[in-house]
Amino acid sequence: MNFWEYLGSRHQQLLTDAYQHASAVFQCMVLATALGVFIAVATYRSEWAGNLATLTTATILTIPSLAMIGLLVPVVGLGVPPTVISLTLYGLLPVVRNAIVGLRGVDPALTDAARGIGMSRLTRLVRVELPLAWPPILTGIRVSTQMLMGITAIAAYASGPGLGNEIFRGLASLGSKNALNQVLAGTLGIIVLALLFDAAYVLIGRLTIPRGIRV
């Protein structure tokens, strides 16, 4: 059976795995973005706090994904929980780092002007600082998403969802007639999903970032 015949015979399962893979990455990126921006907002005004937040999230990223999932399995079990926790933690660094850089890069004259017209600190953050910091934050989200696309495949080790199951089945049956097809289908599926997500982020950037800021 060649690769195209394999795709034709397994397209339903592959589509299901691709949907689960994309859904896991999307949901974990939402959590990582919300948590990462919160951490950045809480620490960007202090040099040491911002550095500590960046160092901590960078340290998390150095933990091998198999080790992370293996440590979580005895605590939260197999399947979705270790996948969500590990992916959310791995997605933090680019978001936190870029959000801190973006918030610190806001022109102080703009925040002073907003303070001068009576805006509270929270209002300045929501209406002035975060919108101006959005371009680097979006860049961080794009980087995190690309990382998580590959890391999510490892979640199959703990019975997690996604195209990693196809890859692991192929690796477990090396030498069989469809082993290479399975690994190739899972790998190419992840690449296609990564490209689709990145194209979506480019579109979001064009819709949400004013042309003057993009330039």
N, C-alpha and C. Protein backbone atom coordinates (compact mmCIF):
# COMPACT_ATOMS: atom_id res chain seq x y z
N MET A 1 0.85 -1.20 0.00
CA MET A 1 0.00 0.00 0.00
C MET A 1 0.89 1.25 0.00
N ASN A 2 0.72 2.12 -1.01
CA ASN A 2 1.52 3.34 -1.01
C ASN A 2 0.90 4.40 -0.09
N PHE A 3 1.59 5.53 0.02
CA PHE A 3 1.16 6.55 0.99
C PHE A 3 -0.23 7.09 0.68
N TRP A 4 -0.52 7.36 -0.59
CA TRP A 4 -1.82 7.93 -0.94
C TRP A 4 -2.95 6.94 -0.71
N GLU A 5 -2.69 5.67 -0.95
CA GLU A 5 -3.69 4.65 -0.65
C GLU A 5 -3.93 4.56 0.86
N TYR A 6 -2.85 4.71 1.61
CA TYR A 6 -2.99 4.68 3.07
C TYR A 6 -3.85 5.85 3.56
N LEU A 7 -3.60 7.04 3.01
CA LEU A 7 -4.40 8.20 3.39
C LEU A 7 -5.87 7.98 3.05
N GLY A 8 -6.14 7.41 1.88
CA GLY A 8 -7.51 7.17 1.48
C GLY A 8 -8.22 6.18 2.38
N SER A 9 -7.50 5.17 2.86
CA SER A 9 -8.12 4.16 3.71
C SER A 9 -8.25 4.60 5.17
N ARG A 10 -7.46 5.59 5.57
CA ARG A 10 -7.47 6.02 6.98
C ARG A 10 -7.87 7.47 7.17
N HIS A 11 -8.48 8.06 6.15
CA HIS A 11 -8.71 9.51 6.21
C HIS A 11 -9.63 9.92 7.37
N GLN A 12 -10.61 9.09 7.71
CA GLN A 12 -11.51 9.46 8.81
C GLN A 12 -10.76 9.53 10.14
N GLN A 13 -9.94 8.53 10.42
CA GLN A 13 -9.18 8.52 11.66
C GLN A 13 -8.16 9.65 11.68
N LEU A 14 -7.53 9.90 10.54
CA LEU A 14 -6.55 10.97 10.47
C LEU A 14 -7.19 12.33 10.69
N LEU A 15 -8.37 12.54 10.14
CA LEU A 15 -9.08 13.81 10.34
C LEU A 15 -9.46 13.98 11.81
N THR A 16 -9.88 12.89 12.44
CA THR A 16 -10.23 12.95 13.86
C THR A 16 -9.01 13.29 14.70
N ASP A 17 -7.89 12.61 14.41
CA ASP A 17 -6.66 12.90 15.14
C ASP A 17 -6.19 14.34 14.91
N ALA A 18 -6.32 14.82 13.68
CA ALA A 18 -5.90 16.19 13.36
C ALA A 18 -6.77 17.20 14.11
N TYR A 19 -8.08 16.94 14.17
CA TYR A 19 -8.98 17.84 14.90
C TYR A 19 -8.61 17.87 16.39
N GLN A 20 -8.37 16.69 16.97
CA GLN A 20 -8.01 16.63 18.38
C GLN A 20 -6.67 17.33 18.64
N HIS A 21 -5.75 17.17 17.71
CA HIS A 21 -4.44 17.82 17.84
C HIS A 21 -4.59 19.34 17.82
N ALA A 22 -5.32 19.84 16.83
CA ALA A 22 -5.53 21.28 16.71
C ALA A 22 -6.30 21.83 17.90
N SER A 23 -7.31 21.08 18.36
CA SER A 23 -8.10 21.53 19.50
C SER A 23 -7.26 21.61 20.76
N ALA A 24 -6.39 20.61 20.99
CA ALA A 24 -5.54 20.62 22.17
C ALA A 24 -4.58 21.82 22.15
N VAL A 25 -3.97 22.06 20.99
CA VAL A 25 -3.04 23.20 20.88
C VAL A 25 -3.78 24.52 21.09
N PHE A 26 -4.94 24.66 20.46
CA PHE A 26 -5.70 25.91 20.57
C PHE A 26 -6.10 26.19 22.02
N GLN A 27 -6.68 25.19 22.67
CA GLN A 27 -7.15 25.40 24.04
C GLN A 27 -6.00 25.68 25.00
N CYS A 28 -4.89 24.96 24.81
CA CYS A 28 -3.74 25.20 25.69
C CYS A 28 -3.10 26.56 25.43
N MET A 29 -3.14 27.02 24.17
CA MET A 29 -2.61 28.35 23.87
C MET A 29 -3.47 29.45 24.46
N VAL A 30 -4.79 29.23 24.51
CA VAL A 30 -5.67 30.20 25.17
C VAL A 30 -5.29 30.31 26.65
N LEU A 31 -5.11 29.15 27.30
CA LEU A 31 -4.72 29.16 28.71
C LEU A 31 -3.34 29.78 28.90
N ALA A 32 -2.39 29.41 28.05
CA ALA A 32 -1.03 29.93 28.18
C ALA A 32 -0.99 31.43 27.93
N THR A 33 -1.79 31.91 26.98
CA THR A 33 -1.82 33.35 26.69
C THR A 33 -2.41 34.12 27.86
N ALA A 34 -3.54 33.64 28.39
CA ALA A 34 -4.17 34.33 29.52
C ALA A 34 -3.23 34.35 30.73
N LEU A 35 -2.63 33.20 31.05
CA LEU A 35 -1.74 33.13 32.20
C LEU A 35 -0.45 33.92 31.95
N GLY A 36 0.08 33.84 30.73
CA GLY A 36 1.30 34.54 30.41
C GLY A 36 1.15 36.05 30.46
N VAL A 37 0.06 36.57 29.92
CA VAL A 37 -0.18 38.02 29.96
C VAL A 37 -0.40 38.47 31.40
N PHE A 38 -1.12 37.66 32.18
CA PHE A 38 -1.33 38.01 33.59
C PHE A 38 0.01 38.11 34.33
N ILE A 39 0.88 37.13 34.11
CA ILE A 39 2.20 37.16 34.76
C ILE A 39 2.99 38.39 34.32
N ALA A 40 2.92 38.70 33.03
CA ALA A 40 3.64 39.87 32.52
C ALA A 40 3.12 41.16 33.13
N VAL A 41 1.81 41.29 33.20
CA VAL A 41 1.20 42.49 33.78
C VAL A 41 1.61 42.64 35.24
N ALA A 42 1.71 41.52 35.94
CA ALA A 42 2.04 41.56 37.36
C ALA A 42 3.51 41.85 37.62
N THR A 43 4.38 41.65 36.60
CA THR A 43 5.82 41.73 36.87
C THR A 43 6.58 42.76 36.04
N TYR A 44 5.98 43.30 34.98
CA TYR A 44 6.79 44.09 34.05
C TYR A 44 7.30 45.41 34.63
N ARG A 45 6.65 45.93 35.67
CA ARG A 45 7.09 47.21 36.23
C ARG A 45 8.34 47.05 37.10
N SER A 46 8.63 45.81 37.52
CA SER A 46 9.79 45.56 38.36
C SER A 46 10.83 44.78 37.58
N GLU A 47 12.06 45.25 37.59
CA GLU A 47 13.13 44.59 36.83
C GLU A 47 13.37 43.17 37.32
N TRP A 48 13.46 43.01 38.64
CA TRP A 48 13.78 41.69 39.18
C TRP A 48 12.61 40.73 39.03
N ALA A 49 11.38 41.25 39.20
CA ALA A 49 10.21 40.38 39.06
C ALA A 49 10.04 39.91 37.61
N GLY A 50 10.27 40.83 36.67
CA GLY A 50 10.18 40.45 35.26
C GLY A 50 11.24 39.43 34.89
N ASN A 51 12.46 39.63 35.39
CA ASN A 51 13.53 38.67 35.12
C ASN A 51 13.23 37.31 35.75
N LEU A 52 12.65 37.33 36.96
CA LEU A 52 12.30 36.07 37.63
C LEU A 52 11.22 35.32 36.85
N ALA A 53 10.23 36.06 36.35
CA ALA A 53 9.17 35.42 35.57
C ALA A 53 9.73 34.80 34.29
N THR A 54 10.61 35.52 33.63
CA THR A 54 11.22 35.00 32.40
C THR A 54 12.09 33.79 32.70
N LEU A 55 12.89 33.87 33.77
CA LEU A 55 13.78 32.76 34.13
C LEU A 55 12.97 31.52 34.51
N THR A 56 11.89 31.71 35.26
CA THR A 56 11.09 30.57 35.70
C THR A 56 10.44 29.86 34.51
N THR A 57 9.83 30.63 33.61
CA THR A 57 9.19 30.01 32.45
C THR A 57 10.23 29.40 31.50
N ALA A 58 11.43 30.00 31.44
CA ALA A 58 12.49 29.42 30.62
C ALA A 58 12.96 28.10 31.21
N THR A 59 13.02 28.02 32.53
CA THR A 59 13.43 26.78 33.19
C THR A 59 12.43 25.66 32.91
N ILE A 60 11.15 25.99 32.92
CA ILE A 60 10.12 25.00 32.60
C ILE A 60 10.33 24.44 31.21
N LEU A 61 10.69 25.31 30.28
CA LEU A 61 10.86 24.89 28.89
C LEU A 61 12.05 23.95 28.70
N THR A 62 12.99 23.96 29.65
CA THR A 62 14.15 23.07 29.52
C THR A 62 13.85 21.64 29.96
N ILE A 63 12.72 21.42 30.61
CA ILE A 63 12.37 20.07 31.05
C ILE A 63 11.96 19.24 29.83
N PRO A 64 12.58 18.11 29.59
CA PRO A 64 12.19 17.28 28.44
C PRO A 64 10.70 16.93 28.50
N SER A 65 10.04 16.98 27.35
CA SER A 65 8.59 16.78 27.32
C SER A 65 8.19 15.40 27.83
N LEU A 66 8.95 14.37 27.48
CA LEU A 66 8.64 13.03 27.99
C LEU A 66 8.74 12.97 29.51
N ALA A 67 9.75 13.65 30.05
CA ALA A 67 9.92 13.68 31.50
C ALA A 67 8.77 14.44 32.17
N MET A 68 8.38 15.56 31.58
CA MET A 68 7.27 16.34 32.13
C MET A 68 5.99 15.51 32.19
N ILE A 69 5.66 14.88 31.05
CA ILE A 69 4.43 14.09 31.00
C ILE A 69 4.54 12.89 31.94
N GLY A 70 5.73 12.25 31.97
CA GLY A 70 5.92 11.11 32.85
C GLY A 70 5.76 11.47 34.32
N LEU A 71 6.19 12.67 34.71
CA LEU A 71 6.03 13.11 36.10
C LEU A 71 4.58 13.46 36.43
N LEU A 72 3.83 13.91 35.42
CA LEU A 72 2.44 14.30 35.67
C LEU A 72 1.48 13.11 35.72
N VAL A 73 1.81 12.05 34.99
CA VAL A 73 0.90 10.90 34.90
C VAL A 73 0.55 10.32 36.27
N PRO A 74 1.52 10.09 37.18
CA PRO A 74 1.14 9.54 38.50
C PRO A 74 0.26 10.49 39.31
N VAL A 75 0.32 11.78 38.98
CA VAL A 75 -0.43 12.77 39.76
C VAL A 75 -1.84 12.98 39.21
N VAL A 76 -1.95 13.13 37.88
CA VAL A 76 -3.25 13.48 37.28
C VAL A 76 -3.79 12.38 36.37
N GLY A 77 -3.03 11.31 36.15
CA GLY A 77 -3.51 10.21 35.33
C GLY A 77 -3.15 10.38 33.86
N LEU A 78 -3.65 9.46 33.04
CA LEU A 78 -3.39 9.47 31.62
C LEU A 78 -4.39 10.33 30.86
N GLY A 79 -4.10 10.58 29.58
CA GLY A 79 -5.06 11.25 28.69
C GLY A 79 -4.91 12.75 28.63
N VAL A 80 -6.02 13.44 28.76
CA VAL A 80 -6.07 14.89 28.54
C VAL A 80 -5.38 15.70 29.64
N PRO A 81 -5.57 15.39 30.95
CA PRO A 81 -4.98 16.26 31.99
C PRO A 81 -3.48 16.49 31.86
N PRO A 82 -2.64 15.46 31.73
CA PRO A 82 -1.21 15.76 31.61
C PRO A 82 -0.87 16.51 30.33
N THR A 83 -1.67 16.28 29.28
CA THR A 83 -1.45 17.00 28.02
C THR A 83 -1.69 18.49 28.20
N VAL A 84 -2.82 18.83 28.81
CA VAL A 84 -3.19 20.24 28.99
C VAL A 84 -2.19 20.95 29.90
N ILE A 85 -1.85 20.32 31.01
CA ILE A 85 -0.93 20.97 31.96
C ILE A 85 0.44 21.19 31.33
N SER A 86 0.99 20.16 30.71
CA SER A 86 2.33 20.29 30.14
C SER A 86 2.36 21.29 29.00
N LEU A 87 1.38 21.25 28.10
CA LEU A 87 1.37 22.18 26.97
C LEU A 87 1.20 23.62 27.44
N THR A 88 0.36 23.84 28.42
CA THR A 88 0.16 25.20 28.93
C THR A 88 1.45 25.74 29.53
N LEU A 89 2.15 24.91 30.30
CA LEU A 89 3.41 25.35 30.90
C LEU A 89 4.48 25.61 29.84
N TYR A 90 4.55 24.74 28.83
CA TYR A 90 5.55 24.93 27.78
C TYR A 90 5.26 26.18 26.94
N GLY A 91 4.00 26.56 26.84
CA GLY A 91 3.64 27.71 26.01
C GLY A 91 3.85 29.06 26.67
N LEU A 92 4.26 29.06 27.94
CA LEU A 92 4.32 30.33 28.69
C LEU A 92 5.48 31.23 28.27
N LEU A 93 6.67 30.68 28.08
CA LEU A 93 7.87 31.53 27.93
C LEU A 93 7.76 32.58 26.83
N PRO A 94 7.46 32.22 25.58
CA PRO A 94 7.40 33.28 24.55
C PRO A 94 6.34 34.34 24.84
N VAL A 95 5.21 33.92 25.43
CA VAL A 95 4.15 34.88 25.73
C VAL A 95 4.59 35.82 26.85
N VAL A 96 5.10 35.26 27.92
CA VAL A 96 5.55 36.09 29.06
C VAL A 96 6.65 37.04 28.63
N ARG A 97 7.67 36.52 27.96
CA ARG A 97 8.81 37.35 27.57
C ARG A 97 8.39 38.47 26.63
N ASN A 98 7.59 38.14 25.60
CA ASN A 98 7.19 39.17 24.65
C ASN A 98 6.21 40.16 25.25
N ALA A 99 5.35 39.70 26.15
CA ALA A 99 4.42 40.63 26.80
C ALA A 99 5.16 41.61 27.68
N ILE A 100 6.16 41.14 28.41
CA ILE A 100 6.97 42.04 29.24
C ILE A 100 7.71 43.06 28.38
N VAL A 101 8.32 42.58 27.30
CA VAL A 101 9.03 43.49 26.39
C VAL A 101 8.07 44.50 25.80
N GLY A 102 6.89 44.05 25.38
CA GLY A 102 5.91 44.95 24.77
C GLY A 102 5.40 46.00 25.74
N LEU A 103 5.11 45.58 26.96
CA LEU A 103 4.59 46.53 27.96
C LEU A 103 5.66 47.53 28.37
N ARG A 104 6.89 47.06 28.48
CA ARG A 104 7.97 47.98 28.84
C ARG A 104 8.33 48.92 27.70
N GLY A 105 7.97 48.55 26.48
CA GLY A 105 8.30 49.37 25.33
C GLY A 105 7.29 50.46 25.02
N VAL A 106 6.20 50.51 25.78
CA VAL A 106 5.20 51.56 25.56
C VAL A 106 5.79 52.92 25.92
N ASP A 107 5.61 53.88 25.06
CA ASP A 107 6.14 55.23 25.28
C ASP A 107 5.57 55.82 26.57
N PRO A 108 6.43 56.19 27.53
CA PRO A 108 5.93 56.78 28.79
C PRO A 108 5.11 58.04 28.56
N ALA A 109 5.37 58.76 27.49
CA ALA A 109 4.61 59.98 27.22
C ALA A 109 3.13 59.66 27.00
N LEU A 110 2.86 58.51 26.40
CA LEU A 110 1.48 58.11 26.16
C LEU A 110 0.76 57.77 27.46
N THR A 111 1.44 57.05 28.33
CA THR A 111 0.81 56.72 29.61
C THR A 111 0.66 57.97 30.48
N ASP A 112 1.60 58.89 30.39
CA ASP A 112 1.48 60.15 31.14
C ASP A 112 0.30 60.95 30.63
N ALA A 113 0.11 60.97 29.32
CA ALA A 113 -1.03 61.69 28.75
C ALA A 113 -2.34 61.05 29.18
N ALA A 114 -2.38 59.71 29.22
CA ALA A 114 -3.59 59.01 29.65
C ALA A 114 -3.86 59.31 31.13
N ARG A 115 -2.80 59.36 31.93
CA ARG A 115 -2.98 59.71 33.34
C ARG A 115 -3.46 61.14 33.48
N GLY A 116 -2.97 62.01 32.61
CA GLY A 116 -3.35 63.42 32.68
C GLY A 116 -4.81 63.67 32.38
N ILE A 117 -5.44 62.81 31.59
CA ILE A 117 -6.87 63.00 31.29
C ILE A 117 -7.76 62.21 32.25
N GLY A 118 -7.13 61.68 33.31
CA GLY A 118 -7.92 61.07 34.38
C GLY A 118 -8.11 59.57 34.30
N MET A 119 -7.38 58.88 33.43
CA MET A 119 -7.52 57.42 33.36
C MET A 119 -6.88 56.77 34.59
N SER A 120 -7.57 55.78 35.13
CA SER A 120 -7.01 55.01 36.23
C SER A 120 -5.92 54.09 35.72
N ARG A 121 -5.17 53.47 36.63
CA ARG A 121 -4.08 52.57 36.23
C ARG A 121 -4.62 51.39 35.42
N LEU A 122 -5.76 50.82 35.86
CA LEU A 122 -6.35 49.69 35.14
C LEU A 122 -6.83 50.11 33.76
N THR A 123 -7.43 51.28 33.67
CA THR A 123 -7.92 51.77 32.38
C THR A 123 -6.75 52.03 31.43
N ARG A 124 -5.66 52.60 31.96
CA ARG A 124 -4.47 52.82 31.11
C ARG A 124 -3.92 51.50 30.60
N LEU A 125 -3.92 50.50 31.47
CA LEU A 125 -3.41 49.19 31.07
C LEU A 125 -4.25 48.59 29.94
N VAL A 126 -5.56 48.64 30.12
CA VAL A 126 -6.47 47.99 29.16
C VAL A 126 -6.59 48.77 27.86
N ARG A 127 -6.63 50.08 27.94
CA ARG A 127 -6.92 50.89 26.76
C ARG A 127 -5.67 51.47 26.07
N VAL A 128 -4.55 51.50 26.76
CA VAL A 128 -3.35 52.09 26.17
C VAL A 128 -2.21 51.08 26.07
N GLU A 129 -1.81 50.53 27.21
CA GLU A 129 -0.59 49.71 27.23
C GLU A 129 -0.75 48.37 26.52
N LEU A 130 -1.79 47.61 26.86
CA LEU A 130 -1.96 46.30 26.24
C LEU A 130 -2.20 46.39 24.72
N PRO A 131 -3.02 47.34 24.24
CA PRO A 131 -3.15 47.45 22.78
C PRO A 131 -1.82 47.76 22.08
N LEU A 132 -0.99 48.61 22.68
CA LEU A 132 0.30 48.93 22.07
C LEU A 132 1.28 47.76 22.18
N ALA A 133 1.10 46.94 23.21
CA ALA A 133 1.99 45.79 23.38
C ALA A 133 1.49 44.56 22.62
N TRP A 134 0.33 44.66 21.98
CA TRP A 134 -0.26 43.51 21.30
C TRP A 134 0.63 42.91 20.19
N PRO A 135 1.30 43.72 19.35
CA PRO A 135 2.13 43.09 18.29
C PRO A 135 3.18 42.12 18.83
N PRO A 136 4.01 42.51 19.82
CA PRO A 136 4.96 41.51 20.33
C PRO A 136 4.27 40.35 21.05
N ILE A 137 3.14 40.61 21.71
CA ILE A 137 2.41 39.51 22.36
C ILE A 137 1.95 38.50 21.32
N LEU A 138 1.42 38.99 20.20
CA LEU A 138 0.96 38.11 19.14
C LEU A 138 2.13 37.30 18.56
N THR A 139 3.29 37.93 18.44
CA THR A 139 4.48 37.20 17.98
C THR A 139 4.83 36.07 18.95
N GLY A 140 4.75 36.34 20.24
CA GLY A 140 4.99 35.31 21.23
C GLY A 140 4.01 34.16 21.13
N ILE A 141 2.74 34.50 20.88
CA ILE A 141 1.72 33.46 20.72
C ILE A 141 2.02 32.59 19.51
N ARG A 142 2.46 33.22 18.42
CA ARG A 142 2.80 32.45 17.21
C ARG A 142 3.95 31.49 17.48
N VAL A 143 4.97 31.97 18.17
CA VAL A 143 6.12 31.12 18.48
C VAL A 143 5.70 29.95 19.37
N SER A 144 4.91 30.24 20.40
CA SER A 144 4.45 29.19 21.31
C SER A 144 3.63 28.14 20.57
N THR A 145 2.76 28.59 19.67
CA THR A 145 1.91 27.66 18.94
C THR A 145 2.74 26.71 18.10
N GLN A 146 3.76 27.22 17.43
CA GLN A 146 4.61 26.36 16.61
C GLN A 146 5.33 25.33 17.48
N MET A 147 5.78 25.74 18.67
CA MET A 147 6.43 24.79 19.57
C MET A 147 5.46 23.71 20.03
N LEU A 148 4.26 24.14 20.41
CA LEU A 148 3.29 23.19 20.96
C LEU A 148 2.80 22.20 19.91
N MET A 149 2.82 22.60 18.64
CA MET A 149 2.42 21.67 17.58
C MET A 149 3.26 20.40 17.64
N GLY A 150 4.57 20.56 17.81
CA GLY A 150 5.45 19.40 17.88
C GLY A 150 5.37 18.69 19.21
N ILE A 151 5.31 19.46 20.31
CA ILE A 151 5.29 18.86 21.64
C ILE A 151 4.03 18.05 21.86
N THR A 152 2.91 18.48 21.27
CA THR A 152 1.65 17.76 21.45
C THR A 152 1.74 16.33 20.96
N ALA A 153 2.58 16.08 19.97
CA ALA A 153 2.74 14.72 19.47
C ALA A 153 3.25 13.79 20.58
N ILE A 154 4.06 14.32 21.51
CA ILE A 154 4.60 13.50 22.59
C ILE A 154 3.50 13.09 23.56
N ALA A 155 2.38 13.82 23.58
CA ALA A 155 1.29 13.51 24.50
C ALA A 155 0.72 12.12 24.26
N ALA A 156 0.93 11.58 23.06
CA ALA A 156 0.45 10.22 22.78
C ALA A 156 1.12 9.21 23.71
N TYR A 157 2.28 9.55 24.23
CA TYR A 157 2.98 8.68 25.19
C TYR A 157 2.11 8.41 26.41
N ALA A 158 1.26 9.38 26.78
CA ALA A 158 0.39 9.24 27.94
C ALA A 158 -1.07 9.13 27.51
N SER A 159 -1.30 8.53 26.34
CA SER A 159 -2.66 8.34 25.80
C SER A 159 -3.35 9.66 25.54
N GLY A 160 -2.58 10.69 25.24
CA GLY A 160 -3.16 11.99 24.91
C GLY A 160 -3.71 12.01 23.50
N PRO A 161 -4.46 13.08 23.16
CA PRO A 161 -5.07 13.17 21.84
C PRO A 161 -4.10 13.67 20.79
N GLY A 162 -4.46 13.45 19.51
CA GLY A 162 -3.70 14.09 18.44
C GLY A 162 -2.99 13.14 17.51
N LEU A 163 -2.27 13.73 16.58
CA LEU A 163 -1.58 12.99 15.53
C LEU A 163 -0.35 12.23 16.04
N GLY A 164 0.05 12.50 17.26
CA GLY A 164 1.15 11.75 17.84
C GLY A 164 0.84 10.27 17.95
N ASN A 165 -0.44 9.95 18.10
CA ASN A 165 -0.84 8.54 18.16
C ASN A 165 -0.46 7.82 16.87
N GLU A 166 -0.64 8.49 15.75
CA GLU A 166 -0.29 7.89 14.46
C GLU A 166 1.22 7.68 14.38
N ILE A 167 1.98 8.64 14.84
CA ILE A 167 3.44 8.52 14.81
C ILE A 167 3.91 7.40 15.72
N PHE A 168 3.38 7.33 16.93
CA PHE A 168 3.81 6.31 17.88
C PHE A 168 3.43 4.91 17.40
N ARG A 169 2.24 4.79 16.76
CA ARG A 169 1.87 3.47 16.22
C ARG A 169 2.84 3.04 15.15
N GLY A 170 3.25 4.00 14.31
CA GLY A 170 4.21 3.67 13.27
C GLY A 170 5.56 3.27 13.84
N LEU A 171 6.04 4.03 14.85
CA LEU A 171 7.33 3.72 15.45
C LEU A 171 7.30 2.38 16.19
N ALA A 172 6.13 2.05 16.75
CA ALA A 172 6.02 0.79 17.48
C ALA A 172 5.97 -0.42 16.56
N SER A 173 5.67 -0.17 15.29
CA SER A 173 5.55 -1.30 14.35
C SER A 173 6.55 -1.18 13.20
N LEU A 174 7.72 -0.62 13.48
CA LEU A 174 8.74 -0.47 12.45
C LEU A 174 9.05 -1.82 11.79
N GLY A 175 9.09 -1.81 10.48
CA GLY A 175 9.30 -3.04 9.74
C GLY A 175 8.04 -3.56 9.09
N SER A 176 6.87 -3.14 9.60
CA SER A 176 5.61 -3.53 8.97
C SER A 176 5.38 -2.68 7.73
N LYS A 177 4.44 -3.08 6.90
CA LYS A 177 4.27 -2.41 5.61
C LYS A 177 3.72 -0.99 5.73
N ASN A 178 3.02 -0.68 6.82
CA ASN A 178 2.42 0.65 6.94
C ASN A 178 3.11 1.53 7.98
N ALA A 179 4.20 1.07 8.57
CA ALA A 179 4.87 1.84 9.62
C ALA A 179 5.32 3.20 9.11
N LEU A 180 5.98 3.22 7.97
CA LEU A 180 6.46 4.49 7.41
C LEU A 180 5.29 5.39 7.04
N ASN A 181 4.22 4.82 6.50
CA ASN A 181 3.04 5.60 6.14
C ASN A 181 2.43 6.27 7.38
N GLN A 182 2.39 5.54 8.48
CA GLN A 182 1.82 6.09 9.71
C GLN A 182 2.65 7.26 10.22
N VAL A 183 3.96 7.08 10.28
CA VAL A 183 4.83 8.15 10.76
C VAL A 183 4.76 9.36 9.83
N LEU A 184 4.76 9.11 8.53
CA LEU A 184 4.72 10.20 7.56
C LEU A 184 3.39 10.94 7.61
N ALA A 185 2.30 10.21 7.75
CA ALA A 185 0.97 10.84 7.82
C ALA A 185 0.86 11.73 9.05
N GLY A 186 1.32 11.23 10.20
CA GLY A 186 1.27 12.04 11.41
C GLY A 186 2.15 13.26 11.33
N THR A 187 3.35 13.09 10.81
CA THR A 187 4.30 14.21 10.71
C THR A 187 3.80 15.29 9.75
N LEU A 188 3.37 14.88 8.57
CA LEU A 188 2.88 15.85 7.59
C LEU A 188 1.61 16.54 8.08
N GLY A 189 0.78 15.79 8.81
CA GLY A 189 -0.43 16.40 9.37
C GLY A 189 -0.10 17.52 10.34
N ILE A 190 0.91 17.31 11.18
CA ILE A 190 1.32 18.34 12.14
C ILE A 190 1.89 19.55 11.41
N ILE A 191 2.66 19.32 10.36
CA ILE A 191 3.23 20.43 9.58
C ILE A 191 2.11 21.26 8.94
N VAL A 192 1.11 20.59 8.38
CA VAL A 192 -0.01 21.30 7.74
C VAL A 192 -0.77 22.12 8.77
N LEU A 193 -1.03 21.53 9.94
CA LEU A 193 -1.73 22.26 10.99
C LEU A 193 -0.93 23.48 11.44
N ALA A 194 0.39 23.33 11.58
CA ALA A 194 1.24 24.46 11.98
C ALA A 194 1.16 25.60 10.97
N LEU A 195 1.17 25.27 9.69
CA LEU A 195 1.07 26.29 8.65
C LEU A 195 -0.28 26.97 8.67
N LEU A 196 -1.35 26.20 8.91
CA LEU A 196 -2.69 26.79 8.96
C LEU A 196 -2.83 27.73 10.15
N PHE A 197 -2.31 27.31 11.30
CA PHE A 197 -2.37 28.18 12.48
C PHE A 197 -1.58 29.46 12.25
N ASP A 198 -0.41 29.34 11.64
CA ASP A 198 0.41 30.53 11.41
C ASP A 198 -0.27 31.48 10.44
N ALA A 199 -0.92 30.93 9.41
CA ALA A 199 -1.66 31.78 8.47
C ALA A 199 -2.80 32.50 9.19
N ALA A 200 -3.45 31.81 10.12
CA ALA A 200 -4.53 32.44 10.89
C ALA A 200 -3.99 33.58 11.74
N TYR A 201 -2.79 33.40 12.33
CA TYR A 201 -2.20 34.47 13.13
C TYR A 201 -1.82 35.67 12.28
N VAL A 202 -1.35 35.42 11.07
CA VAL A 202 -1.04 36.52 10.16
C VAL A 202 -2.31 37.33 9.87
N LEU A 203 -3.41 36.63 9.64
CA LEU A 203 -4.68 37.30 9.38
C LEU A 203 -5.15 38.08 10.60
N ILE A 204 -5.03 37.46 11.78
CA ILE A 204 -5.42 38.16 13.02
C ILE A 204 -4.59 39.42 13.19
N GLY A 205 -3.30 39.34 12.90
CA GLY A 205 -2.44 40.51 13.01
C GLY A 205 -2.87 41.63 12.09
N ARG A 206 -3.24 41.27 10.86
CA ARG A 206 -3.67 42.30 9.91
C ARG A 206 -4.99 42.94 10.33
N LEU A 207 -5.84 42.17 11.02
CA LEU A 207 -7.14 42.67 11.43
C LEU A 207 -7.08 43.47 12.74
N THR A 208 -6.09 43.17 13.58
CA THR A 208 -6.08 43.77 14.92
C THR A 208 -4.96 44.77 15.15
N ILE A 209 -3.95 44.79 14.28
CA ILE A 209 -2.83 45.72 14.47
C ILE A 209 -2.94 46.84 13.44
N PRO A 210 -3.11 48.08 13.89
CA PRO A 210 -3.19 49.20 12.93
C PRO A 210 -1.96 49.27 12.05
N ARG A 211 -2.14 49.71 10.80
CA ARG A 211 -1.06 49.74 9.83
C ARG A 211 0.14 50.55 10.36
N GLY A 212 -0.12 51.66 11.03
CA GLY A 212 0.98 52.48 11.55
C GLY A 212 1.84 51.74 12.54
N ILE A 213 1.22 50.91 13.40
CA ILE A 213 1.99 50.14 14.37
C ILE A 213 2.75 49.03 13.67
N ARG A 214 2.12 48.38 12.66
CA ARG A 214 2.80 47.31 11.91
C ARG A 214 4.07 47.84 11.25
N VAL A 215 3.96 49.02 10.67
CA VAL A 215 5.12 49.62 10.04
C VAL A 215 6.19 49.98 11.06
